[in-house]
Amino acid sequence: MSEENLEKIIAQQATTIQNLTDEIKLLREQVAYLTQKRYGKLSEQMPLSGQLNLFDEEKQDSDDGERPRCRRSDYYL
């Protein structure tokens, strides 16, 4: 192999390495963005009609002057 051929191969490999490095950088940015979108602060919000509303409704129902009923299912001898 001549020196010119080797220099061409080296130049092609350098170009390939740079292209792959750029692609890796882009893919890492995409992974970071999608990870943030999936597991970030906004994904942790509670739904408006969640279980907490159930407790609020129960509290409103028991404000009519009656004593709230309690069910007890942990009777053990």
PDB file of N, CA and C in Angstrom:
ATOM      1  N   MET A   1       0.841  -1.181   0.000  1.00  0.00           N
ATOM      2  CA  MET A   1       0.000   0.000   0.000  1.00  0.00           C
ATOM      3  C   MET A   1       0.882   1.239   0.000  1.00  0.00           C
ATOM      4  N   SER A   2       0.457   2.166  -0.768  1.00  0.00           N
ATOM      5  CA  SER A   2       1.246   3.389  -0.847  1.00  0.00           C
ATOM      6  C   SER A   2       0.840   4.336   0.289  1.00  0.00           C
ATOM      7  N   GLU A   3       1.654   5.334   0.443  1.00  0.00           N
ATOM      8  CA  GLU A   3       1.410   6.305   1.503  1.00  0.00           C
ATOM      9  C   GLU A   3       0.139   7.109   1.232  1.00  0.00           C
ATOM     10  N   GLU A   4      -0.151   7.357  -0.030  1.00  0.00           N
ATOM     11  CA  GLU A   4      -1.370   8.091  -0.394  1.00  0.00           C
ATOM     12  C   GLU A   4      -2.623   7.301  -0.025  1.00  0.00           C
ATOM     13  N   ASN A   5      -2.610   6.000  -0.296  1.00  0.00           N
ATOM     14  CA  ASN A   5      -3.746   5.145   0.054  1.00  0.00           C
ATOM     15  C   ASN A   5      -3.965   5.119   1.567  1.00  0.00           C
ATOM     16  N   LEU A   6      -2.877   5.040   2.309  1.00  0.00           N
ATOM     17  CA  LEU A   6      -2.987   5.018   3.757  1.00  0.00           C
ATOM     18  C   LEU A   6      -3.557   6.337   4.284  1.00  0.00           C
ATOM     19  N   GLU A   7      -3.149   7.436   3.692  1.00  0.00           N
ATOM     20  CA  GLU A   7      -3.663   8.737   4.115  1.00  0.00           C
ATOM     21  C   GLU A   7      -5.149   8.872   3.793  1.00  0.00           C
ATOM     22  N   LYS A   8      -5.586   8.316   2.652  1.00  0.00           N
ATOM     23  CA  LYS A   8      -6.999   8.339   2.304  1.00  0.00           C
ATOM     24  C   LYS A   8      -7.809   7.502   3.299  1.00  0.00           C
ATOM     25  N   ILE A   9      -7.287   6.348   3.629  1.00  0.00           N
ATOM     26  CA  ILE A   9      -7.974   5.480   4.591  1.00  0.00           C
ATOM     27  C   ILE A   9      -8.073   6.170   5.948  1.00  0.00           C
ATOM     28  N   ILE A  10      -6.990   6.799   6.368  1.00  0.00           N
ATOM     29  CA  ILE A  10      -6.985   7.510   7.654  1.00  0.00           C
ATOM     30  C   ILE A  10      -7.999   8.657   7.625  1.00  0.00           C
ATOM     31  N   ALA A  11      -8.065   9.385   6.536  1.00  0.00           N
ATOM     32  CA  ALA A  11      -9.024  10.491   6.413  1.00  0.00           C
ATOM     33  C   ALA A  11     -10.457   9.979   6.443  1.00  0.00           C
ATOM     34  N   GLN A  12     -10.713   8.852   5.752  1.00  0.00           N
ATOM     35  CA  GLN A  12     -12.052   8.266   5.757  1.00  0.00           C
ATOM     36  C   GLN A  12     -12.435   7.800   7.168  1.00  0.00           C
ATOM     37  N   GLN A  13     -11.482   7.186   7.849  1.00  0.00           N
ATOM     38  CA  GLN A  13     -11.750   6.713   9.208  1.00  0.00           C
ATOM     39  C   GLN A  13     -11.990   7.878  10.168  1.00  0.00           C
ATOM     40  N   ALA A  14     -11.247   8.964   9.986  1.00  0.00           N
ATOM     41  CA  ALA A  14     -11.452  10.145  10.829  1.00  0.00           C
ATOM     42  C   ALA A  14     -12.840  10.729  10.597  1.00  0.00           C
ATOM     43  N   THR A  15     -13.266  10.763   9.326  1.00  0.00           N
ATOM     44  CA  THR A  15     -14.608  11.261   9.005  1.00  0.00           C
ATOM     45  C   THR A  15     -15.679  10.356   9.610  1.00  0.00           C
ATOM     46  N   THR A  16     -15.470   9.044   9.486  1.00  0.00           N
ATOM     47  CA  THR A  16     -16.413   8.085  10.060  1.00  0.00           C
ATOM     48  C   THR A  16     -16.487   8.231  11.573  1.00  0.00           C
ATOM     49  N   ILE A  17     -15.352   8.369  12.215  1.00  0.00           N
ATOM     50  CA  ILE A  17     -15.308   8.541  13.668  1.00  0.00           C
ATOM     51  C   ILE A  17     -16.047   9.811  14.075  1.00  0.00           C
ATOM     52  N   GLN A  18     -15.845  10.898  13.348  1.00  0.00           N
ATOM     53  CA  GLN A  18     -16.526  12.154  13.671  1.00  0.00           C
ATOM     54  C   GLN A  18     -18.025  12.025  13.487  1.00  0.00           C
ATOM     55  N   ASN A  19     -18.457  11.375  12.404  1.00  0.00           N
ATOM     56  CA  ASN A  19     -19.897  11.173  12.176  1.00  0.00           C
ATOM     57  C   ASN A  19     -20.520  10.326  13.279  1.00  0.00           C
ATOM     58  N   LEU A  20     -19.835   9.264  13.665  1.00  0.00           N
ATOM     59  CA  LEU A  20     -20.356   8.404  14.728  1.00  0.00           C
ATOM     60  C   LEU A  20     -20.372   9.116  16.080  1.00  0.00           C
ATOM     61  N   THR A  21     -19.369   9.943  16.331  1.00  0.00           N
ATOM     62  CA  THR A  21     -19.324  10.714  17.567  1.00  0.00           C
ATOM     63  C   THR A  21     -20.492  11.692  17.622  1.00  0.00           C
ATOM     64  N   ASP A  22     -20.773  12.356  16.503  1.00  0.00           N
ATOM     65  CA  ASP A  22     -21.907  13.275  16.439  1.00  0.00           C
ATOM     66  C   ASP A  22     -23.230  12.534  16.654  1.00  0.00           C
ATOM     67  N   GLU A  23     -23.348  11.353  16.065  1.00  0.00           N
ATOM     68  CA  GLU A  23     -24.573  10.569  16.215  1.00  0.00           C
ATOM     69  C   GLU A  23     -24.749  10.112  17.661  1.00  0.00           C
ATOM     70  N   ILE A  24     -23.674   9.699  18.304  1.00  0.00           N
ATOM     71  CA  ILE A  24     -23.737   9.292  19.714  1.00  0.00           C
ATOM     72  C   ILE A  24     -24.171  10.470  20.583  1.00  0.00           C
ATOM     73  N   LYS A  25     -23.629  11.649  20.299  1.00  0.00           N
ATOM     74  CA  LYS A  25     -23.998  12.842  21.059  1.00  0.00           C
ATOM     75  C   LYS A  25     -25.492  13.130  20.901  1.00  0.00           C
ATOM     76  N   LEU A  26     -25.996  13.048  19.684  1.00  0.00           N
ATOM     77  CA  LEU A  26     -27.408  13.289  19.426  1.00  0.00           C
ATOM     78  C   LEU A  26     -28.281  12.251  20.145  1.00  0.00           C
ATOM     79  N   LEU A  27     -27.891  10.995  20.068  1.00  0.00           N
ATOM     80  CA  LEU A  27     -28.666   9.937  20.720  1.00  0.00           C
ATOM     81  C   LEU A  27     -28.669  10.091  22.241  1.00  0.00           C
ATOM     82  N   ARG A  28     -27.542  10.508  22.809  1.00  0.00           N
ATOM     83  CA  ARG A  28     -27.498  10.744  24.257  1.00  0.00           C
ATOM     84  C   ARG A  28     -28.418  11.894  24.656  1.00  0.00           C
ATOM     85  N   GLU A  29     -28.467  12.935  23.843  1.00  0.00           N
ATOM     86  CA  GLU A  29     -29.374  14.049  24.115  1.00  0.00           C
ATOM     87  C   GLU A  29     -30.825  13.590  24.047  1.00  0.00           C
ATOM     88  N   GLN A  30     -31.131  12.742  23.069  1.00  0.00           N
ATOM     89  CA  GLN A  30     -32.493  12.229  22.948  1.00  0.00           C
ATOM     90  C   GLN A  30     -32.863  11.363  24.145  1.00  0.00           C
ATOM     91  N   VAL A  31     -31.941  10.517  24.587  1.00  0.00           N
ATOM     92  CA  VAL A  31     -32.202   9.673  25.747  1.00  0.00           C
ATOM     93  C   VAL A  31     -32.419  10.533  26.990  1.00  0.00           C
ATOM     94  N   ALA A  32     -31.601  11.557  27.177  1.00  0.00           N
ATOM     95  CA  ALA A  32     -31.757  12.444  28.327  1.00  0.00           C
ATOM     96  C   ALA A  32     -33.110  13.154  28.281  1.00  0.00           C
ATOM     97  N   TYR A  33     -33.494  13.643  27.107  1.00  0.00           N
ATOM     98  CA  TYR A  33     -34.780  14.330  26.958  1.00  0.00           C
ATOM     99  C   TYR A  33     -35.941  13.386  27.257  1.00  0.00           C
ATOM    100  N   LEU A  34     -35.909  12.198  26.674  1.00  0.00           N
ATOM    101  CA  LEU A  34     -37.009  11.256  26.872  1.00  0.00           C
ATOM    102  C   LEU A  34     -37.060  10.737  28.306  1.00  0.00           C
ATOM    103  N   THR A  35     -35.908  10.561  28.924  1.00  0.00           N
ATOM    104  CA  THR A  35     -35.871  10.147  30.318  1.00  0.00           C
ATOM    105  C   THR A  35     -36.471  11.230  31.205  1.00  0.00           C
ATOM    106  N   GLN A  36     -36.124  12.478  30.943  1.00  0.00           N
ATOM    107  CA  GLN A  36     -36.687  13.589  31.705  1.00  0.00           C
ATOM    108  C   GLN A  36     -38.194  13.674  31.504  1.00  0.00           C
ATOM    109  N   LYS A  37     -38.624  13.480  30.264  1.00  0.00           N
ATOM    110  CA  LYS A  37     -40.052  13.554  29.972  1.00  0.00           C
ATOM    111  C   LYS A  37     -40.810  12.419  30.655  1.00  0.00           C
ATOM    112  N   ARG A  38     -40.217  11.236  30.683  1.00  0.00           N
ATOM    113  CA  ARG A  38     -40.884  10.058  31.257  1.00  0.00           C
ATOM    114  C   ARG A  38     -40.851  10.063  32.782  1.00  0.00           C
ATOM    115  N   TYR A  39     -39.715  10.408  33.373  1.00  0.00           N
ATOM    116  CA  TYR A  39     -39.545  10.291  34.815  1.00  0.00           C
ATOM    117  C   TYR A  39     -39.356  11.631  35.514  1.00  0.00           C
ATOM    118  N   GLY A  40     -39.505  12.732  34.805  1.00  0.00           N
ATOM    119  CA  GLY A  40     -39.258  14.047  35.379  1.00  0.00           C
ATOM    120  C   GLY A  40     -40.368  14.521  36.289  1.00  0.00           C
ATOM    121  N   LYS A  41     -40.254  15.761  36.719  1.00  0.00           N
ATOM    122  CA  LYS A  41     -41.174  16.344  37.677  1.00  0.00           C
ATOM    123  C   LYS A  41     -42.619  16.346  37.181  1.00  0.00           C
ATOM    124  N   LEU A  42     -42.852  16.634  35.928  1.00  0.00           N
ATOM    125  CA  LEU A  42     -44.213  16.702  35.420  1.00  0.00           C
ATOM    126  C   LEU A  42     -44.909  15.350  35.387  1.00  0.00           C
ATOM    127  N   SER A  43     -44.158  14.267  35.294  1.00  0.00           N
ATOM    128  CA  SER A  43     -44.786  12.948  35.265  1.00  0.00           C
ATOM    129  C   SER A  43     -45.216  12.502  36.655  1.00  0.00           C
ATOM    130  N   GLU A  44     -44.839  13.226  37.694  1.00  0.00           N
ATOM    131  CA  GLU A  44     -45.164  12.856  39.059  1.00  0.00           C
ATOM    132  C   GLU A  44     -46.429  13.534  39.575  1.00  0.00           C
ATOM    133  N   GLN A  45     -47.167  14.223  38.739  1.00  0.00           N
ATOM    134  CA  GLN A  45     -48.352  14.926  39.203  1.00  0.00           C
ATOM    135  C   GLN A  45     -49.473  13.953  39.533  1.00  0.00           C
ATOM    136  N   MET A  46     -50.278  14.334  40.526  1.00  0.00           N
ATOM    137  CA  MET A  46     -51.422  13.518  40.925  1.00  0.00           C
ATOM    138  C   MET A  46     -52.601  13.833  40.000  1.00  0.00           C
ATOM    139  N   PRO A  47     -53.391  12.853  39.650  1.00  0.00           N
ATOM    140  CA  PRO A  47     -54.575  13.129  38.838  1.00  0.00           C
ATOM    141  C   PRO A  47     -55.602  13.913  39.656  1.00  0.00           C
ATOM    142  N   LEU A  48     -56.415  14.687  38.972  1.00  0.00           N
ATOM    143  CA  LEU A  48     -57.404  15.511  39.667  1.00  0.00           C
ATOM    144  C   LEU A  48     -58.477  14.673  40.346  1.00  0.00           C
ATOM    145  N   SER A  49     -58.836  13.563  39.792  1.00  0.00           N
ATOM    146  CA  SER A  49     -59.871  12.717  40.381  1.00  0.00           C
ATOM    147  C   SER A  49     -59.227  11.495  41.028  1.00  0.00           C
ATOM    148  N   GLY A  50     -58.290  11.737  41.927  1.00  0.00           N
ATOM    149  CA  GLY A  50     -57.569  10.650  42.573  1.00  0.00           C
ATOM    150  C   GLY A  50     -58.189  10.252  43.892  1.00  0.00           C
ATOM    151  N   GLN A  51     -57.509   9.454  44.622  1.00  0.00           N
ATOM    152  CA  GLN A  51     -58.012   8.936  45.880  1.00  0.00           C
ATOM    153  C   GLN A  51     -58.124  10.031  46.937  1.00  0.00           C
ATOM    154  N   LEU A  52     -57.326  11.071  46.841  1.00  0.00           N
ATOM    155  CA  LEU A  52     -57.419  12.151  47.813  1.00  0.00           C
ATOM    156  C   LEU A  52     -58.789  12.809  47.776  1.00  0.00           C
ATOM    157  N   ASN A  53     -59.406  12.913  46.625  1.00  0.00           N
ATOM    158  CA  ASN A  53     -60.752  13.469  46.529  1.00  0.00           C
ATOM    159  C   ASN A  53     -61.752  12.604  47.267  1.00  0.00           C
ATOM    160  N   LEU A  54     -61.518  11.335  47.324  1.00  0.00           N
ATOM    161  CA  LEU A  54     -62.389  10.435  48.038  1.00  0.00           C
ATOM    162  C   LEU A  54     -62.451  10.813  49.506  1.00  0.00           C
ATOM    163  N   PHE A  55     -61.317  11.148  50.094  1.00  0.00           N
ATOM    164  CA  PHE A  55     -61.273  11.531  51.496  1.00  0.00           C
ATOM    165  C   PHE A  55     -61.952  12.871  51.717  1.00  0.00           C
ATOM    166  N   ASP A  56     -61.818  13.793  50.781  1.00  0.00           N
ATOM    167  CA  ASP A  56     -62.483  15.079  50.902  1.00  0.00           C
ATOM    168  C   ASP A  56     -63.998  14.900  50.882  1.00  0.00           C
ATOM    169  N   GLU A  57     -64.511  14.042  50.027  1.00  0.00           N
ATOM    170  CA  GLU A  57     -65.940  13.798  49.966  1.00  0.00           C
ATOM    171  C   GLU A  57     -66.435  13.159  51.261  1.00  0.00           C
ATOM    172  N   GLU A  58     -65.657  12.262  51.817  1.00  0.00           N
ATOM    173  CA  GLU A  58     -66.042  11.604  53.058  1.00  0.00           C
ATOM    174  C   GLU A  58     -66.119  12.622  54.191  1.00  0.00           C
ATOM    175  N   LYS A  59     -65.191  13.550  54.211  1.00  0.00           N
ATOM    176  CA  LYS A  59     -65.176  14.576  55.248  1.00  0.00           C
ATOM    177  C   LYS A  59     -66.399  15.469  55.110  1.00  0.00           C
ATOM    178  N   GLN A  60     -66.807  15.813  53.895  1.00  0.00           N
ATOM    179  CA  GLN A  60     -67.978  16.644  53.674  1.00  0.00           C
ATOM    180  C   GLN A  60     -69.244  15.921  54.092  1.00  0.00           C
ATOM    181  N   ASP A  61     -69.325  14.618  53.835  1.00  0.00           N
ATOM    182  CA  ASP A  61     -70.507  13.839  54.202  1.00  0.00           C
ATOM    183  C   ASP A  61     -70.666  13.745  55.714  1.00  0.00           C
ATOM    184  N   SER A  62     -69.602  13.724  56.455  1.00  0.00           N
ATOM    185  CA  SER A  62     -69.683  13.541  57.901  1.00  0.00           C
ATOM    186  C   SER A  62     -69.917  14.854  58.634  1.00  0.00           C
ATOM    187  N   ASP A  63     -70.006  15.956  57.936  1.00  0.00           N
ATOM    188  CA  ASP A  63     -70.229  17.251  58.573  1.00  0.00           C
ATOM    189  C   ASP A  63     -71.712  17.548  58.806  1.00  0.00           C
ATOM    190  N   ASP A  64     -72.599  16.589  58.596  1.00  0.00           N
ATOM    191  CA  ASP A  64     -74.028  16.846  58.751  1.00  0.00           C
ATOM    192  C   ASP A  64     -74.508  16.674  60.189  1.00  0.00           C
ATOM    193  N   GLY A  65     -73.621  16.571  61.142  1.00  0.00           N
ATOM    194  CA  GLY A  65     -73.984  16.474  62.545  1.00  0.00           C
ATOM    195  C   GLY A  65     -74.015  15.052  63.059  1.00  0.00           C
ATOM    196  N   GLU A  66     -74.063  14.089  62.183  1.00  0.00           N
ATOM    197  CA  GLU A  66     -74.062  12.705  62.626  1.00  0.00           C
ATOM    198  C   GLU A  66     -72.651  12.226  62.886  1.00  0.00           C
ATOM    199  N   ARG A  67     -72.581  11.253  63.733  1.00  0.00           N
ATOM    200  CA  ARG A  67     -71.292  10.656  64.028  1.00  0.00           C
ATOM    201  C   ARG A  67     -70.897   9.749  62.867  1.00  0.00           C
ATOM    202  N   PRO A  68     -69.690   9.888  62.364  1.00  0.00           N
ATOM    203  CA  PRO A  68     -69.289   9.039  61.230  1.00  0.00           C
ATOM    204  C   PRO A  68     -69.194   7.575  61.638  1.00  0.00           C
ATOM    205  N   ARG A  69     -69.610   6.725  60.737  1.00  0.00           N
ATOM    206  CA  ARG A  69     -69.544   5.293  60.992  1.00  0.00           C
ATOM    207  C   ARG A  69     -68.137   4.790  60.722  1.00  0.00           C
ATOM    208  N   CYS A  70     -67.681   3.950  61.595  1.00  0.00           N
ATOM    209  CA  CYS A  70     -66.352   3.355  61.428  1.00  0.00           C
ATOM    210  C   CYS A  70     -66.506   1.861  61.296  1.00  0.00           C
ATOM    211  N   ARG A  71     -65.914   1.301  60.306  1.00  0.00           N
ATOM    212  CA  ARG A  71     -65.906  -0.151  60.142  1.00  0.00           C
ATOM    213  C   ARG A  71     -64.592  -0.668  60.653  1.00  0.00           C
ATOM    214  N   ARG A  72     -64.666  -1.700  61.391  1.00  0.00           N
ATOM    215  CA  ARG A  72     -63.451  -2.271  61.943  1.00  0.00           C
ATOM    216  C   ARG A  72     -63.381  -3.728  61.523  1.00  0.00           C
ATOM    217  N   SER A  73     -62.350  -4.043  60.789  1.00  0.00           N
ATOM    218  CA  SER A  73     -62.244  -5.417  60.289  1.00  0.00           C
ATOM    219  C   SER A  73     -61.026  -6.130  60.852  1.00  0.00           C
ATOM    220  N   ASP A  74     -60.425  -5.558  61.899  1.00  0.00           N
ATOM    221  CA  ASP A  74     -59.227  -6.203  62.461  1.00  0.00           C
ATOM    222  C   ASP A  74     -59.488  -6.798  63.825  1.00  0.00           C
ATOM    223  N   TYR A  75     -60.614  -7.530  63.961  1.00  0.00           N
ATOM    224  CA  TYR A  75     -60.917  -8.191  65.227  1.00  0.00           C
ATOM    225  C   TYR A  75     -60.154  -9.496  65.298  1.00  0.00           C
ATOM    226  N   TYR A  76     -59.267  -9.574  66.225  1.00  0.00           N
ATOM    227  CA  TYR A  76     -58.475 -10.790  66.430  1.00  0.00           C
ATOM    228  C   TYR A  76     -58.600 -11.189  67.884  1.00  0.00           C
ATOM    229  N   LEU A  77     -58.665 -12.457  68.142  1.00  0.00           N
ATOM    230  CA  LEU A  77     -58.711 -12.964  69.523  1.00  0.00           C
ATOM    231  C   LEU A  77     -57.357 -13.383  69.988  1.00  0.00           C
TER     232      LEU A  77
END
